[in-house]
Amino acid sequence: MISRKLINRLIILLFFVLVGYGLATSIASGSVLGTILALVSLGAGIRFLYLLALQQQQPESEETYQEN
């Protein structure tokens, strides 16, 4: 059975491959709007990975906080 961590990494890799393909085809066809949208998608993916890394660095005690 494939581990969850491996599946997550494959999904992230696939996303960045598709964004790279979109960026390359938009540059090749000369589409300014396509290039801008591909760069925005790339920025969103990088931001997501940054926030994911921050979340994993937080200690477990904050996740177990209970409201009264």
N, C-alpha and C. Protein backbone atom coordinates (compact mmCIF):
# COMPACT_ATOMS: atom_id res chain seq x y z
N MET A 1 0.84 -1.17 0.00
CA MET A 1 0.00 0.00 0.00
C MET A 1 0.89 1.24 0.00
N ILE A 2 0.47 2.24 -0.77
CA ILE A 2 1.23 3.48 -0.88
C ILE A 2 0.90 4.36 0.32
N SER A 3 1.94 4.93 0.92
CA SER A 3 1.72 5.76 2.10
C SER A 3 1.08 7.10 1.72
N ARG A 4 0.45 7.71 2.70
CA ARG A 4 -0.23 8.99 2.48
C ARG A 4 0.77 10.09 2.13
N LYS A 5 1.94 10.05 2.74
CA LYS A 5 2.96 11.06 2.48
C LYS A 5 3.42 11.01 1.02
N LEU A 6 3.57 9.80 0.49
CA LEU A 6 3.99 9.65 -0.90
C LEU A 6 2.90 10.15 -1.85
N ILE A 7 1.65 9.86 -1.55
CA ILE A 7 0.54 10.33 -2.38
C ILE A 7 0.48 11.85 -2.38
N ASN A 8 0.66 12.47 -1.21
CA ASN A 8 0.65 13.93 -1.12
C ASN A 8 1.78 14.55 -1.94
N ARG A 9 2.94 13.95 -1.88
CA ARG A 9 4.08 14.48 -2.66
C ARG A 9 3.84 14.32 -4.16
N LEU A 10 3.24 13.22 -4.56
CA LEU A 10 2.94 13.03 -5.97
C LEU A 10 1.91 14.04 -6.47
N ILE A 11 0.92 14.34 -5.64
CA ILE A 11 -0.09 15.34 -6.02
C ILE A 11 0.54 16.72 -6.17
N ILE A 12 1.43 17.08 -5.23
CA ILE A 12 2.11 18.37 -5.30
C ILE A 12 3.00 18.44 -6.53
N LEU A 13 3.73 17.36 -6.81
CA LEU A 13 4.59 17.31 -7.99
C LEU A 13 3.77 17.44 -9.27
N LEU A 14 2.65 16.74 -9.34
CA LEU A 14 1.78 16.81 -10.50
C LEU A 14 1.24 18.22 -10.70
N PHE A 15 0.87 18.89 -9.62
CA PHE A 15 0.38 20.26 -9.71
C PHE A 15 1.44 21.17 -10.32
N PHE A 16 2.67 21.08 -9.82
CA PHE A 16 3.71 21.96 -10.32
C PHE A 16 4.11 21.61 -11.75
N VAL A 17 4.02 20.35 -12.13
CA VAL A 17 4.29 19.96 -13.52
C VAL A 17 3.23 20.58 -14.43
N LEU A 18 1.97 20.52 -14.03
CA LEU A 18 0.90 21.10 -14.84
C LEU A 18 1.01 22.62 -14.93
N VAL A 19 1.39 23.26 -13.83
CA VAL A 19 1.59 24.72 -13.87
C VAL A 19 2.76 25.06 -14.79
N GLY A 20 3.83 24.29 -14.73
CA GLY A 20 4.97 24.52 -15.60
C GLY A 20 4.62 24.33 -17.06
N TYR A 21 3.81 23.31 -17.33
CA TYR A 21 3.36 23.08 -18.71
C TYR A 21 2.49 24.24 -19.19
N GLY A 22 1.60 24.71 -18.33
CA GLY A 22 0.75 25.84 -18.69
C GLY A 22 1.57 27.10 -18.93
N LEU A 23 2.57 27.32 -18.10
CA LEU A 23 3.44 28.48 -18.27
C LEU A 23 4.23 28.38 -19.58
N ALA A 24 4.77 27.21 -19.87
CA ALA A 24 5.55 27.03 -21.09
C ALA A 24 4.70 27.20 -22.34
N THR A 25 3.49 26.65 -22.33
CA THR A 25 2.64 26.78 -23.52
C THR A 25 2.13 28.21 -23.69
N SER A 26 1.89 28.91 -22.58
CA SER A 26 1.43 30.30 -22.70
C SER A 26 2.55 31.19 -23.24
N ILE A 27 3.78 30.92 -22.84
CA ILE A 27 4.90 31.70 -23.37
C ILE A 27 5.12 31.36 -24.84
N ALA A 28 5.01 30.08 -25.19
CA ALA A 28 5.22 29.67 -26.57
C ALA A 28 4.16 30.25 -27.51
N SER A 29 2.94 30.37 -27.03
CA SER A 29 1.88 30.91 -27.88
C SER A 29 1.80 32.43 -27.80
N GLY A 30 2.53 33.04 -26.90
CA GLY A 30 2.55 34.49 -26.78
C GLY A 30 1.35 35.06 -26.04
N SER A 31 0.74 34.27 -25.20
CA SER A 31 -0.43 34.71 -24.47
C SER A 31 -0.01 35.38 -23.16
N VAL A 32 -0.26 36.66 -23.07
CA VAL A 32 0.11 37.41 -21.87
C VAL A 32 -0.79 37.01 -20.70
N LEU A 33 -2.09 36.90 -20.97
CA LEU A 33 -3.03 36.52 -19.92
C LEU A 33 -2.74 35.11 -19.39
N GLY A 34 -2.40 34.18 -20.29
CA GLY A 34 -2.05 32.83 -19.86
C GLY A 34 -0.81 32.80 -18.99
N THR A 35 0.17 33.62 -19.34
CA THR A 35 1.40 33.70 -18.55
C THR A 35 1.11 34.25 -17.16
N ILE A 36 0.29 35.29 -17.10
CA ILE A 36 -0.06 35.88 -15.80
C ILE A 36 -0.80 34.87 -14.94
N LEU A 37 -1.76 34.18 -15.53
CA LEU A 37 -2.52 33.19 -14.77
C LEU A 37 -1.66 32.02 -14.30
N ALA A 38 -0.72 31.60 -15.13
CA ALA A 38 0.19 30.51 -14.74
C ALA A 38 1.09 30.96 -13.59
N LEU A 39 1.55 32.20 -13.63
CA LEU A 39 2.40 32.71 -12.56
C LEU A 39 1.61 32.86 -11.25
N VAL A 40 0.35 33.26 -11.36
CA VAL A 40 -0.49 33.36 -10.17
C VAL A 40 -0.71 31.96 -9.57
N SER A 41 -0.94 30.98 -10.43
CA SER A 41 -1.10 29.60 -9.94
C SER A 41 0.17 29.10 -9.28
N LEU A 42 1.31 29.43 -9.85
CA LEU A 42 2.59 29.03 -9.27
C LEU A 42 2.77 29.69 -7.90
N GLY A 43 2.44 30.97 -7.80
CA GLY A 43 2.54 31.66 -6.52
C GLY A 43 1.60 31.08 -5.47
N ALA A 44 0.39 30.70 -5.89
CA ALA A 44 -0.56 30.10 -4.96
C ALA A 44 -0.07 28.74 -4.47
N GLY A 45 0.54 27.97 -5.34
CA GLY A 45 1.08 26.68 -4.93
C GLY A 45 2.23 26.82 -3.96
N ILE A 46 3.11 27.78 -4.21
CA ILE A 46 4.23 28.02 -3.31
C ILE A 46 3.74 28.52 -1.96
N ARG A 47 2.75 29.40 -1.97
CA ARG A 47 2.17 29.91 -0.72
C ARG A 47 1.52 28.78 0.08
N PHE A 48 0.83 27.87 -0.62
CA PHE A 48 0.22 26.73 0.05
C PHE A 48 1.27 25.86 0.73
N LEU A 49 2.36 25.58 0.04
CA LEU A 49 3.43 24.77 0.64
C LEU A 49 4.06 25.48 1.84
N TYR A 50 4.21 26.80 1.76
CA TYR A 50 4.76 27.57 2.88
C TYR A 50 3.84 27.48 4.10
N LEU A 51 2.54 27.66 3.89
CA LEU A 51 1.59 27.58 5.00
C LEU A 51 1.51 26.16 5.56
N LEU A 52 1.63 25.16 4.71
CA LEU A 52 1.62 23.78 5.16
C LEU A 52 2.83 23.49 6.05
N ALA A 53 3.98 24.01 5.66
CA ALA A 53 5.19 23.82 6.47
C ALA A 53 5.07 24.53 7.82
N LEU A 54 4.46 25.72 7.83
CA LEU A 54 4.26 26.42 9.10
C LEU A 54 3.32 25.66 10.01
N GLN A 55 2.29 25.08 9.45
CA GLN A 55 1.32 24.33 10.24
C GLN A 55 1.97 23.10 10.87
N GLN A 56 2.84 22.44 10.15
CA GLN A 56 3.48 21.24 10.67
C GLN A 56 4.52 21.56 11.74
N GLN A 57 5.03 22.79 11.76
CA GLN A 57 6.02 23.17 12.76
C GLN A 57 5.39 23.53 14.10
N GLN A 58 4.12 23.86 14.13
CA GLN A 58 3.47 24.24 15.38
C GLN A 58 3.39 23.03 16.30
N PRO A 59 3.57 23.26 17.59
CA PRO A 59 3.51 22.14 18.53
C PRO A 59 2.09 21.55 18.63
N GLU A 60 2.03 20.32 19.05
CA GLU A 60 0.77 19.60 19.17
C GLU A 60 -0.14 20.21 20.22
N SER A 61 0.42 20.92 21.20
CA SER A 61 -0.40 21.44 22.30
C SER A 61 -1.41 22.48 21.80
N GLU A 62 -1.10 23.20 20.75
CA GLU A 62 -2.04 24.18 20.22
C GLU A 62 -3.21 23.49 19.54
N GLU A 63 -3.01 22.31 18.99
CA GLU A 63 -4.09 21.60 18.31
C GLU A 63 -5.06 20.98 19.32
N THR A 64 -4.62 20.73 20.51
CA THR A 64 -5.48 20.09 21.49
C THR A 64 -6.20 21.09 22.39
N TYR A 65 -6.17 22.37 22.00
CA TYR A 65 -6.85 23.40 22.77
C TYR A 65 -8.36 23.16 22.73
N GLN A 66 -8.98 23.19 23.89
CA GLN A 66 -10.43 22.96 23.97
C GLN A 66 -11.10 24.21 24.49
N GLU A 67 -12.27 24.52 23.90
CA GLU A 67 -13.04 25.67 24.36
C GLU A 67 -13.94 25.26 25.50
N ASN A 68 -14.24 26.20 26.40
CA ASN A 68 -15.15 25.93 27.53
C ASN A 68 -16.57 26.13 27.15
